[in-house]
Amino acid sequence: MGRFPKLSFLHIYDTDGRPPILLEDLVNVAKSLKTVGLNRALWDIDRVGSEIVTNKWPRWKIKFCVEEDFPCEDDFWLFQYN
């Protein structure tokens, strides 16, 4: 993940259950991430100095998300078709 310095959106989906990855680990490795998805959950990532603040999206927002909810139209497209 650290090899992709411009990576701003990451969504990992596992059909067998929860992916064996911690949100905190992903955010600490990939410093450019702004939105992270694990299965059908999404978090906005805000960095305030050395502190990392994660804001989980409510279920209704994930289920009924639109392109304007994402910082980039590519992020919406990736989430929609994953």
PDB file of N, CA and C in Angstrom:
ATOM      1  N   MET A   1       0.813  -1.185   0.000  1.00  0.00           N
ATOM      2  CA  MET A   1       0.000   0.000   0.000  1.00  0.00           C
ATOM      3  C   MET A   1       0.862   1.257   0.000  1.00  0.00           C
ATOM      4  N   GLY A   2       1.977   1.204   0.676  1.00  0.00           N
ATOM      5  CA  GLY A   2       2.860   2.355   0.733  1.00  0.00           C
ATOM      6  C   GLY A   2       3.480   2.685  -0.612  1.00  0.00           C
ATOM      7  N   ARG A   3       3.405   1.768  -1.552  1.00  0.00           N
ATOM      8  CA  ARG A   3       3.977   1.998  -2.881  1.00  0.00           C
ATOM      9  C   ARG A   3       3.075   2.814  -3.786  1.00  0.00           C
ATOM     10  N   PHE A   4       1.888   3.137  -3.318  1.00  0.00           N
ATOM     11  CA  PHE A   4       0.933   3.901  -4.106  1.00  0.00           C
ATOM     12  C   PHE A   4       0.679   5.244  -3.420  1.00  0.00           C
ATOM     13  N   PRO A   5       1.544   6.219  -3.633  1.00  0.00           N
ATOM     14  CA  PRO A   5       1.448   7.483  -2.892  1.00  0.00           C
ATOM     15  C   PRO A   5       0.221   8.321  -3.226  1.00  0.00           C
ATOM     16  N   LYS A   6      -0.466   8.036  -4.325  1.00  0.00           N
ATOM     17  CA  LYS A   6      -1.647   8.818  -4.698  1.00  0.00           C
ATOM     18  C   LYS A   6      -2.955   8.075  -4.428  1.00  0.00           C
ATOM     19  N   LEU A   7      -2.876   6.914  -3.799  1.00  0.00           N
ATOM     20  CA  LEU A   7      -4.060   6.111  -3.514  1.00  0.00           C
ATOM     21  C   LEU A   7      -4.928   6.832  -2.478  1.00  0.00           C
ATOM     22  N   SER A   8      -6.136   7.231  -2.891  1.00  0.00           N
ATOM     23  CA  SER A   8      -7.002   7.961  -1.967  1.00  0.00           C
ATOM     24  C   SER A   8      -8.219   7.149  -1.535  1.00  0.00           C
ATOM     25  N   PHE A   9      -8.564   6.100  -2.291  1.00  0.00           N
ATOM     26  CA  PHE A   9      -9.737   5.285  -1.981  1.00  0.00           C
ATOM     27  C   PHE A   9      -9.345   3.812  -2.047  1.00  0.00           C
ATOM     28  N   LEU A  10      -9.757   3.056  -1.057  1.00  0.00           N
ATOM     29  CA  LEU A  10      -9.497   1.624  -1.029  1.00  0.00           C
ATOM     30  C   LEU A  10     -10.727   0.928  -0.486  1.00  0.00           C
ATOM     31  N   HIS A  11     -11.184  -0.088  -1.210  1.00  0.00           N
ATOM     32  CA  HIS A  11     -12.328  -0.862  -0.747  1.00  0.00           C
ATOM     33  C   HIS A  11     -11.956  -2.332  -0.864  1.00  0.00           C
ATOM     34  N   ILE A  12     -11.969  -3.036   0.246  1.00  0.00           N
ATOM     35  CA  ILE A  12     -11.656  -4.463   0.284  1.00  0.00           C
ATOM     36  C   ILE A  12     -12.930  -5.206   0.658  1.00  0.00           C
ATOM     37  N   TYR A  13     -13.264  -6.183  -0.161  1.00  0.00           N
ATOM     38  CA  TYR A  13     -14.504  -6.922   0.038  1.00  0.00           C
ATOM     39  C   TYR A  13     -14.173  -8.403   0.151  1.00  0.00           C
ATOM     40  N   ASP A  14     -14.726  -9.062   1.161  1.00  0.00           N
ATOM     41  CA  ASP A  14     -14.504 -10.486   1.385  1.00  0.00           C
ATOM     42  C   ASP A  14     -15.865 -11.168   1.468  1.00  0.00           C
ATOM     43  N   THR A  15     -16.102 -12.142   0.629  1.00  0.00           N
ATOM     44  CA  THR A  15     -17.400 -12.815   0.606  1.00  0.00           C
ATOM     45  C   THR A  15     -17.585 -13.805   1.756  1.00  0.00           C
ATOM     46  N   ASP A  16     -16.515 -14.201   2.411  1.00  0.00           N
ATOM     47  CA  ASP A  16     -16.601 -15.180   3.495  1.00  0.00           C
ATOM     48  C   ASP A  16     -16.792 -14.552   4.874  1.00  0.00           C
ATOM     49  N   GLY A  17     -16.722 -13.252   4.982  1.00  0.00           N
ATOM     50  CA  GLY A  17     -16.846 -12.593   6.279  1.00  0.00           C
ATOM     51  C   GLY A  17     -16.070 -11.296   6.273  1.00  0.00           C
ATOM     52  N   ARG A  18     -15.632 -10.891   7.444  1.00  0.00           N
ATOM     53  CA  ARG A  18     -14.841  -9.662   7.543  1.00  0.00           C
ATOM     54  C   ARG A  18     -13.432  -9.889   7.033  1.00  0.00           C
ATOM     55  N   PRO A  19     -12.902  -8.951   6.265  1.00  0.00           N
ATOM     56  CA  PRO A  19     -11.506  -9.084   5.833  1.00  0.00           C
ATOM     57  C   PRO A  19     -10.583  -9.071   7.053  1.00  0.00           C
ATOM     58  N   PRO A  20      -9.526  -9.864   7.034  1.00  0.00           N
ATOM     59  CA  PRO A  20      -8.614  -9.933   8.190  1.00  0.00           C
ATOM     60  C   PRO A  20      -7.624  -8.762   8.215  1.00  0.00           C
ATOM     61  N   ILE A  21      -8.156  -7.555   8.054  1.00  0.00           N
ATOM     62  CA  ILE A  21      -7.332  -6.353   8.012  1.00  0.00           C
ATOM     63  C   ILE A  21      -7.957  -5.326   8.944  1.00  0.00           C
ATOM     64  N   LEU A  22      -7.118  -4.620   9.677  1.00  0.00           N
ATOM     65  CA  LEU A  22      -7.607  -3.563  10.556  1.00  0.00           C
ATOM     66  C   LEU A  22      -7.583  -2.226   9.835  1.00  0.00           C
ATOM     67  N   LEU A  23      -8.617  -1.444  10.033  1.00  0.00           N
ATOM     68  CA  LEU A  23      -8.696  -0.124   9.429  1.00  0.00           C
ATOM     69  C   LEU A  23      -7.480   0.722   9.803  1.00  0.00           C
ATOM     70  N   GLU A  24      -7.096   0.681  11.059  1.00  0.00           N
ATOM     71  CA  GLU A  24      -5.969   1.479  11.534  1.00  0.00           C
ATOM     72  C   GLU A  24      -4.676   1.114  10.817  1.00  0.00           C
ATOM     73  N   ASP A  25      -4.482  -0.175  10.541  1.00  0.00           N
ATOM     74  CA  ASP A  25      -3.277  -0.607   9.831  1.00  0.00           C
ATOM     75  C   ASP A  25      -3.249  -0.054   8.412  1.00  0.00           C
ATOM     76  N   LEU A  26      -4.380  -0.103   7.724  1.00  0.00           N
ATOM     77  CA  LEU A  26      -4.450   0.430   6.359  1.00  0.00           C
ATOM     78  C   LEU A  26      -4.135   1.918   6.332  1.00  0.00           C
ATOM     79  N   VAL A  27      -4.730   2.652   7.251  1.00  0.00           N
ATOM     80  CA  VAL A  27      -4.568   4.101   7.277  1.00  0.00           C
ATOM     81  C   VAL A  27      -3.132   4.491   7.641  1.00  0.00           C
ATOM     82  N   ASN A  28      -2.505   3.724   8.501  1.00  0.00           N
ATOM     83  CA  ASN A  28      -1.127   4.033   8.885  1.00  0.00           C
ATOM     84  C   ASN A  28      -0.125   3.712   7.787  1.00  0.00           C
ATOM     85  N   VAL A  29      -0.409   2.714   6.976  1.00  0.00           N
ATOM     86  CA  VAL A  29       0.512   2.326   5.895  1.00  0.00           C
ATOM     87  C   VAL A  29       0.351   3.229   4.683  1.00  0.00           C
ATOM     88  N   ALA A  30      -0.878   3.501   4.291  1.00  0.00           N
ATOM     89  CA  ALA A  30      -1.150   4.319   3.110  1.00  0.00           C
ATOM     90  C   ALA A  30      -1.574   5.713   3.578  1.00  0.00           C
ATOM     91  N   LYS A  31      -0.641   6.627   3.630  1.00  0.00           N
ATOM     92  CA  LYS A  31      -0.874   7.967   4.189  1.00  0.00           C
ATOM     93  C   LYS A  31      -1.799   8.831   3.336  1.00  0.00           C
ATOM     94  N   SER A  32      -2.021   8.461   2.082  1.00  0.00           N
ATOM     95  CA  SER A  32      -2.839   9.292   1.198  1.00  0.00           C
ATOM     96  C   SER A  32      -4.322   8.909   1.196  1.00  0.00           C
ATOM     97  N   LEU A  33      -4.686   7.839   1.905  1.00  0.00           N
ATOM     98  CA  LEU A  33      -6.086   7.389   1.901  1.00  0.00           C
ATOM     99  C   LEU A  33      -7.013   8.434   2.502  1.00  0.00           C
ATOM    100  N   LYS A  34      -8.136   8.672   1.808  1.00  0.00           N
ATOM    101  CA  LYS A  34      -9.162   9.594   2.299  1.00  0.00           C
ATOM    102  C   LYS A  34     -10.464   8.880   2.593  1.00  0.00           C
ATOM    103  N   THR A  35     -10.691   7.740   1.927  1.00  0.00           N
ATOM    104  CA  THR A  35     -11.876   6.924   2.161  1.00  0.00           C
ATOM    105  C   THR A  35     -11.470   5.461   2.120  1.00  0.00           C
ATOM    106  N   VAL A  36     -11.941   4.679   3.108  1.00  0.00           N
ATOM    107  CA  VAL A  36     -11.619   3.255   3.178  1.00  0.00           C
ATOM    108  C   VAL A  36     -12.917   2.480   3.338  1.00  0.00           C
ATOM    109  N   GLY A  37     -13.020   1.387   2.584  1.00  0.00           N
ATOM    110  CA  GLY A  37     -14.171   0.509   2.692  1.00  0.00           C
ATOM    111  C   GLY A  37     -13.737  -0.898   3.047  1.00  0.00           C
ATOM    112  N   LEU A  38     -14.405  -1.488   4.012  1.00  0.00           N
ATOM    113  CA  LEU A  38     -14.204  -2.890   4.365  1.00  0.00           C
ATOM    114  C   LEU A  38     -15.574  -3.550   4.283  1.00  0.00           C
ATOM    115  N   ASN A  39     -15.709  -4.462   3.333  1.00  0.00           N
ATOM    116  CA  ASN A  39     -17.001  -5.036   2.961  1.00  0.00           C
ATOM    117  C   ASN A  39     -17.943  -3.894   2.596  1.00  0.00           C
ATOM    118  N   ARG A  40     -19.083  -3.778   3.219  1.00  0.00           N
ATOM    119  CA  ARG A  40     -20.009  -2.703   2.866  1.00  0.00           C
ATOM    120  C   ARG A  40     -20.011  -1.589   3.908  1.00  0.00           C
ATOM    121  N   ALA A  41     -18.901  -1.369   4.569  1.00  0.00           N
ATOM    122  CA  ALA A  41     -18.759  -0.254   5.503  1.00  0.00           C
ATOM    123  C   ALA A  41     -17.729   0.717   4.934  1.00  0.00           C
ATOM    124  N   LEU A  42     -17.980   2.007   5.122  1.00  0.00           N
ATOM    125  CA  LEU A  42     -17.073   3.041   4.625  1.00  0.00           C
ATOM    126  C   LEU A  42     -16.701   4.003   5.741  1.00  0.00           C
ATOM    127  N   TRP A  43     -15.465   4.469   5.711  1.00  0.00           N
ATOM    128  CA  TRP A  43     -14.983   5.462   6.659  1.00  0.00           C
ATOM    129  C   TRP A  43     -14.311   6.595   5.899  1.00  0.00           C
ATOM    130  N   ASP A  44     -14.564   7.817   6.336  1.00  0.00           N
ATOM    131  CA  ASP A  44     -13.791   8.970   5.887  1.00  0.00           C
ATOM    132  C   ASP A  44     -12.588   9.067   6.807  1.00  0.00           C
ATOM    133  N   ILE A  45     -11.443   9.373   6.233  1.00  0.00           N
ATOM    134  CA  ILE A  45     -10.210   9.477   6.999  1.00  0.00           C
ATOM    135  C   ILE A  45      -9.777  10.931   7.022  1.00  0.00           C
ATOM    136  N   ASP A  46      -9.671  11.493   8.212  1.00  0.00           N
ATOM    137  CA  ASP A  46      -9.189  12.865   8.378  1.00  0.00           C
ATOM    138  C   ASP A  46      -7.900  12.819   9.177  1.00  0.00           C
ATOM    139  N   ARG A  47      -6.919  13.542   8.697  1.00  0.00           N
ATOM    140  CA  ARG A  47      -5.624  13.606   9.392  1.00  0.00           C
ATOM    141  C   ARG A  47      -5.447  15.015   9.948  1.00  0.00           C
ATOM    142  N   VAL A  48      -5.301  15.075  11.258  1.00  0.00           N
ATOM    143  CA  VAL A  48      -5.087  16.341  11.946  1.00  0.00           C
ATOM    144  C   VAL A  48      -3.733  16.237  12.630  1.00  0.00           C
ATOM    145  N   GLY A  49      -2.711  16.762  11.966  1.00  0.00           N
ATOM    146  CA  GLY A  49      -1.356  16.593  12.473  1.00  0.00           C
ATOM    147  C   GLY A  49      -0.990  15.120  12.444  1.00  0.00           C
ATOM    148  N   SER A  50      -0.562  14.591  13.564  1.00  0.00           N
ATOM    149  CA  SER A  50      -0.224  13.167  13.637  1.00  0.00           C
ATOM    150  C   SER A  50      -1.428  12.305  14.033  1.00  0.00           C
ATOM    151  N   GLU A  51      -2.542  12.952  14.365  1.00  0.00           N
ATOM    152  CA  GLU A  51      -3.740  12.231  14.776  1.00  0.00           C
ATOM    153  C   GLU A  51      -4.585  11.843  13.551  1.00  0.00           C
ATOM    154  N   ILE A  52      -5.141  10.644  13.601  1.00  0.00           N
ATOM    155  CA  ILE A  52      -6.006  10.146  12.538  1.00  0.00           C
ATOM    156  C   ILE A  52      -7.414  10.006  13.094  1.00  0.00           C
ATOM    157  N   VAL A  53      -8.362  10.653  12.427  1.00  0.00           N
ATOM    158  CA  VAL A  53      -9.764  10.604  12.841  1.00  0.00           C
ATOM    159  C   VAL A  53     -10.540   9.847  11.771  1.00  0.00           C
ATOM    160  N   THR A  54     -11.251   8.792  12.189  1.00  0.00           N
ATOM    161  CA  THR A  54     -12.065   8.015  11.251  1.00  0.00           C
ATOM    162  C   THR A  54     -13.539   8.280  11.535  1.00  0.00           C
ATOM    163  N   ASN A  55     -14.282   8.559  10.481  1.00  0.00           N
ATOM    164  CA  ASN A  55     -15.716   8.817  10.593  1.00  0.00           C
ATOM    165  C   ASN A  55     -16.457   7.774   9.771  1.00  0.00           C
ATOM    166  N   LYS A  56     -17.176   6.885  10.455  1.00  0.00           N
ATOM    167  CA  LYS A  56     -17.903   5.824   9.762  1.00  0.00           C
ATOM    168  C   LYS A  56     -19.189   6.375   9.155  1.00  0.00           C
ATOM    169  N   TRP A  57     -19.435   5.983   7.920  1.00  0.00           N
ATOM    170  CA  TRP A  57     -20.663   6.381   7.241  1.00  0.00           C
ATOM    171  C   TRP A  57     -21.833   5.595   7.820  1.00  0.00           C
ATOM    172  N   PRO A  58     -22.992   6.222   7.979  1.00  0.00           N
ATOM    173  CA  PRO A  58     -24.177   5.474   8.421  1.00  0.00           C
ATOM    174  C   PRO A  58     -24.624   4.498   7.330  1.00  0.00           C
ATOM    175  N   ARG A  59     -25.289   3.429   7.739  1.00  0.00           N
ATOM    176  CA  ARG A  59     -25.722   2.398   6.776  1.00  0.00           C
ATOM    177  C   ARG A  59     -26.594   2.969   5.658  1.00  0.00           C
ATOM    178  N   TRP A  60     -27.502   3.869   6.008  1.00  0.00           N
ATOM    179  CA  TRP A  60     -28.392   4.424   4.980  1.00  0.00           C
ATOM    180  C   TRP A  60     -27.609   5.199   3.937  1.00  0.00           C
ATOM    181  N   LYS A  61     -26.541   5.893   4.353  1.00  0.00           N
ATOM    182  CA  LYS A  61     -25.740   6.667   3.402  1.00  0.00           C
ATOM    183  C   LYS A  61     -24.978   5.738   2.465  1.00  0.00           C
ATOM    184  N   ILE A  62     -24.513   4.609   2.982  1.00  0.00           N
ATOM    185  CA  ILE A  62     -23.804   3.642   2.152  1.00  0.00           C
ATOM    186  C   ILE A  62     -24.771   3.007   1.157  1.00  0.00           C
ATOM    187  N   LYS A  63     -25.925   2.630   1.638  1.00  0.00           N
ATOM    188  CA  LYS A  63     -26.897   1.943   0.784  1.00  0.00           C
ATOM    189  C   LYS A  63     -27.435   2.845  -0.324  1.00  0.00           C
ATOM    190  N   PHE A  64     -27.623   4.111  -0.021  1.00  0.00           N
ATOM    191  CA  PHE A  64     -28.203   5.043  -0.977  1.00  0.00           C
ATOM    192  C   PHE A  64     -27.210   6.113  -1.430  1.00  0.00           C
ATOM    193  N   CYS A  65     -25.922   5.776  -1.447  1.00  0.00           N
ATOM    194  CA  CYS A  65     -24.905   6.765  -1.798  1.00  0.00           C
ATOM    195  C   CYS A  65     -25.041   7.209  -3.255  1.00  0.00           C
ATOM    196  N   VAL A  66     -24.625   8.431  -3.492  1.00  0.00           N
ATOM    197  CA  VAL A  66     -24.592   9.010  -4.832  1.00  0.00           C
ATOM    198  C   VAL A  66     -23.186   9.529  -5.083  1.00  0.00           C
ATOM    199  N   GLU A  67     -22.926   9.869  -6.307  1.00  0.00           N
ATOM    200  CA  GLU A  67     -21.582  10.300  -6.698  1.00  0.00           C
ATOM    201  C   GLU A  67     -21.083  11.483  -5.865  1.00  0.00           C
ATOM    202  N   GLU A  68     -21.982  12.380  -5.489  1.00  0.00           N
ATOM    203  CA  GLU A  68     -21.599  13.577  -4.730  1.00  0.00           C
ATOM    204  C   GLU A  68     -21.120  13.261  -3.315  1.00  0.00           C
ATOM    205  N   ASP A  69     -21.397  12.066  -2.819  1.00  0.00           N
ATOM    206  CA  ASP A  69     -20.950  11.675  -1.480  1.00  0.00           C
ATOM    207  C   ASP A  69     -19.454  11.374  -1.437  1.00  0.00           C
ATOM    208  N   PHE A  70     -18.847  11.177  -2.589  1.00  0.00           N
ATOM    209  CA  PHE A  70     -17.435  10.804  -2.677  1.00  0.00           C
ATOM    210  C   PHE A  70     -16.612  11.987  -3.166  1.00  0.00           C
ATOM    211  N   PRO A  71     -15.365  12.075  -2.722  1.00  0.00           N
ATOM    212  CA  PRO A  71     -14.519  13.198  -3.160  1.00  0.00           C
ATOM    213  C   PRO A  71     -14.146  13.122  -4.640  1.00  0.00           C
ATOM    214  N   CYS A  72     -14.305  11.951  -5.247  1.00  0.00           N
ATOM    215  CA  CYS A  72     -13.913  11.759  -6.639  1.00  0.00           C
ATOM    216  C   CYS A  72     -14.917  10.822  -7.309  1.00  0.00           C
ATOM    217  N   GLU A  73     -15.298  11.111  -8.548  1.00  0.00           N
ATOM    218  CA  GLU A  73     -16.274  10.265  -9.239  1.00  0.00           C
ATOM    219  C   GLU A  73     -15.743   8.846  -9.453  1.00  0.00           C
ATOM    220  N   ASP A  74     -14.432   8.693  -9.562  1.00  0.00           N
ATOM    221  CA  ASP A  74     -13.846   7.359  -9.709  1.00  0.00           C
ATOM    222  C   ASP A  74     -14.075   6.514  -8.458  1.00  0.00           C
ATOM    223  N   ASP A  75     -14.021   7.143  -7.285  1.00  0.00           N
ATOM    224  CA  ASP A  75     -14.255   6.422  -6.028  1.00  0.00           C
ATOM    225  C   ASP A  75     -15.675   5.868  -5.991  1.00  0.00           C
ATOM    226  N   PHE A  76     -16.632   6.673  -6.414  1.00  0.00           N
ATOM    227  CA  PHE A  76     -18.025   6.223  -6.458  1.00  0.00           C
ATOM    228  C   PHE A  76     -18.162   5.046  -7.415  1.00  0.00           C
ATOM    229  N   TRP A  77     -17.561   5.142  -8.569  1.00  0.00           N
ATOM    230  CA  TRP A  77     -17.644   4.081  -9.564  1.00  0.00           C
ATOM    231  C   TRP A  77     -17.051   2.783  -9.009  1.00  0.00           C
ATOM    232  N   LEU A  78     -15.897   2.885  -8.356  1.00  0.00           N
ATOM    233  CA  LEU A  78     -15.263   1.695  -7.787  1.00  0.00           C
ATOM    234  C   LEU A  78     -16.133   1.060  -6.701  1.00  0.00           C
ATOM    235  N   PHE A  79     -16.704   1.877  -5.833  1.00  0.00           N
ATOM    236  CA  PHE A  79     -17.533   1.355  -4.757  1.00  0.00           C
ATOM    237  C   PHE A  79     -18.825   0.758  -5.307  1.00  0.00           C
ATOM    238  N   GLN A  80     -19.400   1.387  -6.302  1.00  0.00           N
ATOM    239  CA  GLN A  80     -20.656   0.941  -6.872  1.00  0.00           C
ATOM    240  C   GLN A  80     -20.526  -0.448  -7.511  1.00  0.00           C
ATOM    241  N   TYR A  81     -19.412  -0.727  -8.134  1.00  0.00           N
ATOM    242  CA  TYR A  81     -19.261  -1.980  -8.872  1.00  0.00           C
ATOM    243  C   TYR A  81     -18.412  -3.021  -8.163  1.00  0.00           C
ATOM    244  N   ASN A  82     -18.094  -2.806  -6.914  1.00  0.00           N
ATOM    245  CA  ASN A  82     -17.341  -3.799  -6.172  1.00  0.00           C
ATOM    246  C   ASN A  82     -18.302  -4.713  -5.454  1.00  0.00           C
TER     247      ASN A  82
END
